[in-house]
Amino acid sequence: MSASDANSAKTQTTSGGIGIANLPNQLHKIVTKKGTNLSIMVVGESGTGKTTFINTLLTTELIEPLEDAARRKKQMDKTVDINIHKAELEEKMFNVKLNVVDTPGFGDYVNNNDCWLPVVDFIENQYEQYLRQEQQPVRKGVVDMRVHACLYFIRPNGHTLKPLDVRAMKAIGARVNLIPVIAKADTLSPTALRQFKKRVMDVIDAQSIRIYQPPVESDDEAMTVRNKDIISAVPFAIIGSTQEVKTADGRHVKGRQYPWGVAEVENDQHCDFKKLRSLLIRTHMLDLISTTEEVHYDKYRTTQMKTRKFGEPKPRKVDNKKFREEEEMLRKRFTEKVKLEENRFRQWEQKLIAERDRLNKDLEQEHNLVKQLESEIEAISNVNSPNGKFFRK
């Protein structure tokens, strides 16, 4: 083909088109028909408003709040549970299969060592299940429960991150898109909240904690400005409330009523709820899903493929926190029983030794008495014998 023919073909393609530009419309139809899966995990201590936030985010009571009695009973179990709540959301003919993973019991005890291990294990188990499904000959109906975003709720203590938060966020952030959230932002003044945010980010940077970094630059200048506004709000300070209250100017809004006024959930001057909701759903849902697929899951898959044969199951971890605690408890109980039995045997031994000494002493006394009697008998015999009498005369 000559240069003139190539230029002619290029001109025809550019002017008339062959339908390549219609690809986004095709993708839109496919995605609209198929829908998508979105899994969000919430991690944090009890009382930080995880349940309220999810119900506020979805404008429905997806998770039923625990009563105080049930909460106290749960705290007595000393275990971290994994509860999955499923829902299907539909908006303008587009469906989203939503999975919300709750972690009651996290950080609620005096000894919280390794309390994040059940969370990490769950995240990796979902990667493992998806990997096993990919390796099957028939992959129709694949169940995808991979966690796309983990919201870590930070208690608003006004100081900084606790050692538990640092260690847990390090472990979780290395495996999933971690989004730090300051709970109950209405308990801090605006100045204290800004200072607390800065301290939290300073610790995150100093400890090299990996958190989700959404893309900033975009072809749309307005989108770029909005992305920068969202990133500047990290860690997101939120207020959760499913109740509507009346403001001073007569508006009915979701928020919390105080003597000094109303703390509105969807007011950017009061909290970052709208920015976090936009990050999770409106603007960066696809990026969360693709980052999970291309970064976190791919990292796990690469690691497993290097250390395992194709189709080989993942070796089970022997080290389990719950079993380890039970083992330590049983070992401690066994040691105490052994010590108790040793003390009892020692006491019995001392009693036996004392009894032996007493018997030996009594035997010696009896032996001496026998010798004395023998001497007396011998003396009497000598007195009564004839030789004894002769010598006496």
Protein backbone atom coordinates (compact mmCIF):
# COMPACT_ATOMS: atom_id res chain seq x y z
CA MET A 1 0.00 0.00 0.00
CA SER A 2 1.34 3.42 -1.00
CA ALA A 3 1.50 6.44 1.25
CA SER A 4 -1.38 8.05 -0.62
CA ASP A 5 -3.59 4.96 -0.06
CA ALA A 6 -2.76 4.94 3.66
CA ASN A 7 -3.58 8.62 4.01
CA SER A 8 -6.86 8.03 2.13
CA ALA A 9 -7.82 5.14 4.44
CA LYS A 10 -6.96 7.21 7.50
CA THR A 11 -9.02 10.06 6.22
CA GLN A 12 -12.02 7.81 5.61
CA THR A 13 -11.76 6.27 9.10
CA THR A 14 -11.46 9.64 10.75
CA SER A 15 -14.26 11.30 8.84
CA GLY A 16 -16.84 8.52 8.62
CA GLY A 17 -15.81 6.29 11.52
CA ILE A 18 -16.28 2.53 11.91
CA GLY A 19 -17.91 2.54 15.34
CA ILE A 20 -14.91 2.45 17.70
CA ALA A 21 -16.19 5.52 19.53
CA ASN A 22 -19.32 3.55 20.45
CA LEU A 23 -17.34 1.22 22.76
CA PRO A 24 -18.12 3.23 25.93
CA ASN A 25 -21.82 2.90 25.16
CA GLN A 26 -21.40 -0.86 24.77
CA LEU A 27 -19.52 -1.08 28.06
CA HIS A 28 -22.21 1.00 29.73
CA LYS A 29 -24.91 -1.41 28.57
CA ILE A 30 -22.91 -4.45 29.69
CA VAL A 31 -22.13 -3.01 33.12
CA THR A 32 -25.70 -1.82 33.57
CA LYS A 33 -27.03 -5.29 32.77
CA LYS A 34 -24.44 -7.18 34.79
CA GLY A 35 -24.09 -4.81 37.73
CA THR A 36 -21.14 -5.05 40.09
CA ASN A 37 -20.08 -6.29 43.51
CA LEU A 38 -18.88 -3.97 46.26
CA SER A 39 -17.60 -5.20 49.62
CA ILE A 40 -16.99 -2.74 52.44
CA MET A 41 -15.48 -3.74 55.77
CA VAL A 42 -15.83 -1.68 58.95
CA VAL A 43 -13.26 -2.14 61.71
CA GLY A 44 -13.05 -0.36 65.04
CA GLU A 45 -13.82 -0.53 68.72
CA SER A 46 -17.38 -0.88 69.95
CA GLY A 47 -19.19 2.39 70.37
CA THR A 48 -17.43 4.23 67.54
CA GLY A 49 -20.58 4.37 65.39
CA LYS A 50 -19.83 1.76 62.71
CA THR A 51 -23.39 0.45 62.58
CA THR A 52 -24.89 3.93 62.58
CA PHE A 53 -22.58 5.04 59.77
CA ILE A 54 -23.51 2.10 57.52
CA ASN A 55 -27.22 2.64 58.12
CA THR A 56 -26.81 6.36 57.47
CA LEU A 57 -24.78 5.72 54.31
CA LEU A 58 -27.38 3.37 52.84
CA THR A 59 -30.39 5.28 54.26
CA THR A 60 -31.76 2.01 55.62
CA GLU A 61 -31.27 -0.20 58.66
CA LEU A 62 -29.02 -2.83 57.10
CA ILE A 63 -27.35 -3.67 60.43
CA GLU A 64 -29.50 -3.87 63.52
CA PRO A 65 -27.85 -2.02 66.43
CA LEU A 66 -26.95 -4.18 69.42
CA GLU A 67 -28.66 -3.55 72.72
CA ASP A 68 -26.49 -2.82 75.76
CA ALA A 69 -27.11 -6.27 77.25
CA ALA A 70 -26.14 -8.02 74.02
CA ARG A 71 -23.09 -5.79 73.67
CA ARG A 72 -21.89 -6.63 77.18
CA LYS A 73 -22.51 -10.33 76.56
CA LYS A 74 -20.47 -10.11 73.36
CA GLN A 75 -17.61 -8.46 75.23
CA MET A 76 -17.51 -11.43 77.62
CA ASP A 77 -16.74 -13.79 74.72
CA LYS A 78 -13.33 -12.17 74.12
CA THR A 79 -13.42 -13.02 70.41
CA VAL A 80 -13.54 -10.99 67.19
CA ASP A 81 -16.45 -12.08 65.03
CA ILE A 82 -16.93 -11.58 61.29
CA ASN A 83 -20.51 -10.77 60.34
CA ILE A 84 -21.53 -10.31 56.69
CA HIS A 85 -24.59 -8.28 55.78
CA LYS A 86 -25.78 -8.37 52.16
CA ALA A 87 -27.99 -5.98 50.23
CA GLU A 88 -28.84 -5.15 46.64
CA LEU A 89 -28.92 -1.49 45.67
CA GLU A 90 -30.63 -0.24 42.53
CA GLU A 91 -30.46 3.25 41.10
CA LYS A 92 -31.43 4.22 37.53
CA MET A 93 -31.49 0.57 36.37
CA PHE A 94 -27.99 -0.08 37.76
CA ASN A 95 -27.58 -2.80 40.39
CA VAL A 96 -24.89 -3.12 43.03
CA LYS A 97 -24.58 -6.24 45.17
CA LEU A 98 -23.29 -4.79 48.41
CA ASN A 99 -21.54 -6.78 51.14
CA VAL A 100 -20.90 -5.07 54.45
CA VAL A 101 -18.46 -6.92 56.71
CA ASP A 102 -18.75 -6.02 60.39
CA THR A 103 -16.18 -6.97 63.04
CA PRO A 104 -17.79 -6.89 66.50
CA GLY A 105 -15.40 -7.50 69.37
CA PHE A 106 -12.39 -5.75 67.80
CA GLY A 107 -10.29 -3.94 70.41
CA ASP A 108 -12.82 -4.37 73.22
CA TYR A 109 -10.67 -6.23 75.74
CA VAL A 110 -7.80 -5.55 78.11
CA ASN A 111 -5.49 -7.81 76.09
CA ASN A 112 -5.91 -6.86 72.42
CA ASN A 113 -2.75 -8.50 71.12
CA ASP A 114 -3.28 -9.77 67.57
CA CYS A 115 -6.98 -8.89 67.65
CA TRP A 116 -6.65 -7.83 64.00
CA LEU A 117 -5.63 -11.34 62.86
CA PRO A 118 -9.25 -12.49 62.25
CA VAL A 119 -9.70 -9.40 60.04
CA VAL A 120 -6.52 -10.12 58.08
CA ASP A 121 -7.40 -13.80 57.80
CA PHE A 122 -10.84 -12.96 56.41
CA ILE A 123 -9.37 -10.63 53.77
CA GLU A 124 -6.81 -13.22 52.67
CA ASN A 125 -9.39 -16.02 52.73
CA GLN A 126 -11.54 -14.10 50.23
CA TYR A 127 -8.50 -13.72 47.95
CA GLU A 128 -7.83 -17.43 48.34
CA GLN A 129 -11.40 -18.44 47.50
CA TYR A 130 -11.39 -16.23 44.41
CA LEU A 131 -8.02 -17.67 43.35
CA ARG A 132 -9.32 -21.22 43.69
CA GLN A 133 -12.39 -20.35 41.61
CA GLU A 134 -10.16 -18.86 38.89
CA GLN A 135 -8.27 -22.14 38.67
CA GLN A 136 -11.40 -24.23 38.03
CA PRO A 137 -12.18 -25.46 34.49
CA VAL A 138 -15.67 -23.93 34.68
CA ARG A 139 -15.70 -20.42 36.09
CA LYS A 140 -19.37 -19.58 35.64
CA GLY A 141 -21.05 -18.15 38.71
CA VAL A 142 -17.86 -17.04 40.45
CA VAL A 143 -18.56 -15.64 43.92
CA ASP A 144 -16.51 -12.51 44.56
CA MET A 145 -16.35 -11.49 48.23
CA ARG A 146 -13.02 -9.67 48.04
CA VAL A 147 -12.97 -6.61 50.29
CA HIS A 148 -12.69 -3.43 48.22
CA ALA A 149 -12.49 -0.92 51.06
CA CYS A 150 -11.83 -1.15 54.79
CA LEU A 151 -13.06 1.74 56.92
CA TYR A 152 -10.98 1.90 60.10
CA PHE A 153 -12.84 3.84 62.79
CA ILE A 154 -10.60 5.85 65.11
CA ARG A 155 -11.90 6.82 68.53
CA PRO A 156 -11.87 10.65 68.92
CA ASN A 157 -9.63 10.78 71.99
CA GLY A 158 -8.15 14.14 70.95
CA HIS A 159 -4.55 12.89 71.19
CA THR A 160 -3.35 10.56 68.44
CA LEU A 161 -3.44 6.94 67.27
CA LYS A 162 -3.08 4.25 69.92
CA PRO A 163 -0.47 1.49 69.53
CA LEU A 164 -3.33 -0.92 68.74
CA ASP A 165 -4.47 1.36 65.90
CA VAL A 166 -0.96 1.61 64.46
CA ARG A 167 -0.32 -2.14 64.43
CA ALA A 168 -3.79 -3.00 63.14
CA MET A 169 -3.73 -0.36 60.38
CA LYS A 170 -0.28 -1.53 59.26
CA ALA A 171 -1.43 -5.13 58.93
CA ILE A 172 -4.74 -4.30 57.25
CA GLY A 173 -3.43 -1.54 54.96
CA ALA A 174 -0.92 -3.92 53.40
CA ARG A 175 -3.76 -6.12 52.13
CA VAL A 176 -6.72 -3.88 51.29
CA ASN A 177 -7.71 -0.28 50.50
CA LEU A 178 -7.59 1.22 53.99
CA ILE A 179 -9.58 4.39 54.67
CA PRO A 180 -9.09 6.00 58.12
CA VAL A 181 -12.23 7.48 59.66
CA ILE A 182 -12.53 9.60 62.80
CA ALA A 183 -15.76 8.58 64.50
CA LYS A 184 -18.16 10.92 66.29
CA ALA A 185 -16.58 14.11 65.03
CA ASP A 186 -19.24 16.14 66.86
CA THR A 187 -17.51 15.34 70.17
CA LEU A 188 -14.54 17.57 69.22
CA SER A 189 -14.43 21.29 68.59
CA PRO A 190 -13.40 22.39 65.06
CA THR A 191 -9.95 23.43 66.28
CA ALA A 192 -9.38 20.21 68.25
CA LEU A 193 -10.60 18.19 65.26
CA ARG A 194 -8.12 19.85 62.89
CA GLN A 195 -5.28 19.24 65.32
CA PHE A 196 -6.35 15.62 65.84
CA LYS A 197 -6.47 15.05 62.07
CA LYS A 198 -2.95 16.42 61.71
CA ARG A 199 -1.60 14.20 64.50
CA VAL A 200 -3.23 11.13 62.97
CA MET A 201 -1.74 11.84 59.54
CA ASP A 202 1.67 12.52 61.10
CA VAL A 203 1.62 9.08 62.74
CA ILE A 204 0.42 7.45 59.50
CA ASP A 205 3.31 9.03 57.60
CA ALA A 206 5.88 8.31 60.32
CA GLN A 207 4.84 4.65 60.65
CA SER A 208 4.57 4.15 56.85
CA ILE A 209 0.97 2.98 57.13
CA ARG A 210 -0.45 2.35 53.69
CA ILE A 211 -3.82 4.00 53.13
CA TYR A 212 -5.94 4.35 50.01
CA GLN A 213 -4.78 7.18 47.73
CA PRO A 214 -7.45 7.99 45.13
CA PRO A 215 -6.36 9.39 41.77
CA VAL A 216 -6.32 13.19 41.64
CA GLU A 217 -5.67 14.31 38.09
CA SER A 218 -8.52 14.12 35.59
CA ASP A 219 -9.39 15.48 32.17
CA ASP A 220 -12.24 17.34 33.83
CA GLU A 221 -10.92 20.28 35.83
CA ALA A 222 -13.96 20.25 38.11
CA MET A 223 -13.32 16.55 38.86
CA THR A 224 -9.69 17.31 39.70
CA VAL A 225 -10.73 20.03 42.13
CA ARG A 226 -13.26 17.68 43.74
CA ASN A 227 -10.66 14.90 44.07
CA LYS A 228 -8.24 17.29 45.77
CA ASP A 229 -11.01 18.37 48.12
CA ILE A 230 -11.73 14.73 49.02
CA ILE A 231 -8.06 13.88 49.62
CA SER A 232 -7.57 16.96 51.80
CA ALA A 233 -10.26 15.60 54.17
CA VAL A 234 -8.34 12.40 55.04
CA PRO A 235 -8.81 11.09 57.70
CA PHE A 236 -12.53 11.61 57.26
CA ALA A 237 -14.30 13.00 60.32
CA ILE A 238 -17.90 11.83 60.26
CA ILE A 239 -21.14 12.12 62.16
CA GLY A 240 -23.65 9.30 61.93
CA SER A 241 -27.36 9.59 62.56
CA THR A 242 -30.44 8.01 61.04
CA GLN A 243 -32.84 10.41 62.76
CA GLU A 244 -34.19 13.62 61.30
CA VAL A 245 -34.06 16.75 63.44
CA LYS A 246 -35.30 20.28 62.89
CA THR A 247 -32.78 23.09 62.54
CA ALA A 248 -33.17 26.64 63.77
CA ASP A 249 -34.17 27.82 60.28
CA GLY A 250 -36.91 25.18 60.00
CA ARG A 251 -35.11 22.59 57.83
CA HIS A 252 -35.49 18.87 58.53
CA VAL A 253 -32.09 17.19 58.24
CA LYS A 254 -30.33 14.07 59.45
CA GLY A 255 -28.19 14.95 62.42
CA ARG A 256 -27.88 15.17 66.18
CA GLN A 257 -29.68 17.68 68.38
CA TYR A 258 -27.66 19.52 71.02
CA PRO A 259 -28.50 22.42 73.34
CA TRP A 260 -26.28 24.66 71.22
CA GLY A 261 -27.79 23.57 67.91
CA VAL A 262 -27.79 20.74 65.36
CA ALA A 263 -24.79 18.78 64.05
CA GLU A 264 -25.80 17.96 60.47
CA VAL A 265 -24.63 14.76 58.81
CA GLU A 266 -24.62 16.11 55.25
CA ASN A 267 -23.11 19.50 56.02
CA ASP A 268 -19.48 19.84 54.88
CA GLN A 269 -18.90 22.47 57.55
CA HIS A 270 -19.83 19.98 60.26
CA CYS A 271 -18.25 16.73 59.03
CA ASP A 272 -16.85 14.85 56.01
CA PHE A 273 -19.72 12.41 55.55
CA LYS A 274 -20.62 13.59 52.04
CA LYS A 275 -16.97 13.42 50.93
CA LEU A 276 -16.58 9.88 52.25
CA ARG A 277 -19.83 8.81 50.61
CA SER A 278 -18.67 10.34 47.34
CA LEU A 279 -15.36 8.49 47.62
CA LEU A 280 -17.02 5.14 48.27
CA ILE A 281 -19.87 5.33 45.79
CA ARG A 282 -20.17 8.34 43.51
CA THR A 283 -16.64 9.07 42.27
CA HIS A 284 -14.18 6.28 43.17
CA MET A 285 -16.12 3.01 43.42
CA LEU A 286 -14.59 1.73 40.18
CA ASP A 287 -11.11 2.73 41.28
CA LEU A 288 -11.56 0.89 44.59
CA ILE A 289 -12.61 -2.24 42.70
CA SER A 290 -9.81 -2.00 40.13
CA THR A 291 -7.18 -1.26 42.79
CA THR A 292 -8.27 -4.35 44.70
CA GLU A 293 -8.06 -6.42 41.51
CA GLU A 294 -4.82 -5.04 40.08
CA VAL A 295 -2.82 -4.30 43.23
CA HIS A 296 -3.88 -6.16 46.38
CA TYR A 297 -5.32 -9.32 44.86
CA ASP A 298 -2.57 -9.50 42.23
CA LYS A 299 0.06 -9.20 44.97
CA TYR A 300 -1.55 -12.05 46.90
CA ARG A 301 -1.94 -14.16 43.76
CA THR A 302 1.69 -13.62 42.74
CA THR A 303 2.95 -14.57 46.19
CA GLN A 304 0.86 -17.74 46.29
CA MET A 305 1.76 -18.80 42.74
CA LYS A 306 5.46 -18.53 43.60
CA THR A 307 5.18 -20.77 46.65
CA ARG A 308 2.50 -23.27 45.57
CA LYS A 309 1.80 -25.62 42.71
CA PHE A 310 -1.16 -25.03 40.45
CA GLY A 311 -4.35 -26.21 42.17
CA GLU A 312 -2.56 -26.94 45.44
CA PRO A 313 -4.57 -25.79 48.48
CA LYS A 314 -3.19 -23.13 50.75
CA PRO A 315 -1.49 -24.63 53.80
CA ARG A 316 -3.42 -23.97 56.95
CA LYS A 317 -1.92 -21.74 59.57
CA VAL A 318 -1.13 -23.60 62.75
CA ASP A 319 -0.88 -20.38 64.68
CA ASN A 320 -4.39 -19.24 65.57
CA LYS A 321 -4.96 -16.62 68.22
CA LYS A 322 -8.05 -18.24 69.65
CA PHE A 323 -6.44 -21.69 69.79
CA ARG A 324 -3.22 -20.20 71.13
CA GLU A 325 -5.06 -18.49 73.97
CA GLU A 326 -6.91 -21.71 74.77
CA GLU A 327 -3.63 -23.61 74.66
CA GLU A 328 -1.97 -21.11 76.99
CA MET A 329 -4.95 -21.28 79.33
CA LEU A 330 -4.86 -25.08 79.36
CA ARG A 331 -1.09 -25.05 79.87
CA LYS A 332 -1.45 -22.61 82.74
CA ARG A 333 -4.20 -24.68 84.30
CA PHE A 334 -2.13 -27.85 83.88
CA THR A 335 0.90 -26.16 85.43
CA GLU A 336 -1.14 -25.01 88.41
CA LYS A 337 -2.51 -28.52 88.90
CA VAL A 338 0.97 -30.01 88.65
CA LYS A 339 2.26 -27.53 91.23
CA LEU A 340 -0.67 -28.32 93.51
CA GLU A 341 -0.04 -32.06 93.21
CA GLU A 342 3.68 -31.52 93.78
CA ASN A 343 2.92 -29.62 96.97
CA ARG A 344 0.59 -32.40 98.09
CA PHE A 345 3.23 -35.08 97.36
CA ARG A 346 5.83 -32.99 99.14
CA GLN A 347 3.61 -32.72 102.18
CA TRP A 348 2.94 -36.48 102.07
CA GLU A 349 6.66 -37.11 101.76
CA GLN A 350 7.38 -34.95 104.77
CA LYS A 351 4.70 -36.76 106.75
CA LEU A 352 6.11 -40.13 105.70
CA ILE A 353 9.63 -39.06 106.66
CA ALA A 354 8.38 -37.81 110.04
CA GLU A 355 6.46 -41.05 110.57
CA ARG A 356 9.52 -43.06 109.58
CA ASP A 357 11.70 -41.13 112.01
CA ARG A 358 9.13 -41.64 114.76
CA LEU A 359 8.92 -45.35 114.06
CA ASN A 360 12.72 -45.64 113.95
CA LYS A 361 12.94 -43.81 117.25
CA ASP A 362 10.30 -46.04 118.81
CA LEU A 363 12.07 -49.08 117.42
CA GLU A 364 15.34 -47.90 118.85
CA GLN A 365 13.70 -47.35 122.23
CA GLU A 366 12.16 -50.80 122.10
CA HIS A 367 15.52 -52.23 121.08
CA ASN A 368 17.20 -50.50 124.01
CA LEU A 369 14.48 -51.76 126.31
CA VAL A 370 15.00 -55.29 125.02
CA LYS A 371 18.74 -54.98 125.64
CA GLN A 372 18.08 -53.70 129.16
CA LEU A 373 15.73 -56.59 129.89
CA GLU A 374 18.27 -59.03 128.53
CA SER A 375 20.90 -57.54 130.84
CA GLU A 376 18.59 -57.80 133.84
CA ILE A 377 17.69 -61.40 132.97
CA GLU A 378 21.37 -62.27 132.64
CA ALA A 379 22.12 -60.62 135.96
CA ILE A 380 19.31 -62.53 137.68
CA SER A 381 20.54 -65.75 136.09
CA ASN A 382 24.04 -65.15 137.43
CA VAL A 383 22.70 -64.54 140.93
CA ASN A 384 20.65 -67.74 141.00
CA SER A 385 23.37 -70.00 139.58
CA PRO A 386 25.58 -72.19 142.03
CA ASN A 387 28.71 -70.54 140.85
CA GLY A 388 27.18 -67.30 141.73
CA LYS A 389 26.43 -68.49 145.26
CA PHE A 390 29.97 -69.93 145.76
CA PHE A 391 31.60 -66.80 144.79
CA ARG A 392 29.21 -64.88 147.03
CA LYS A 393 30.32 -66.90 150.07
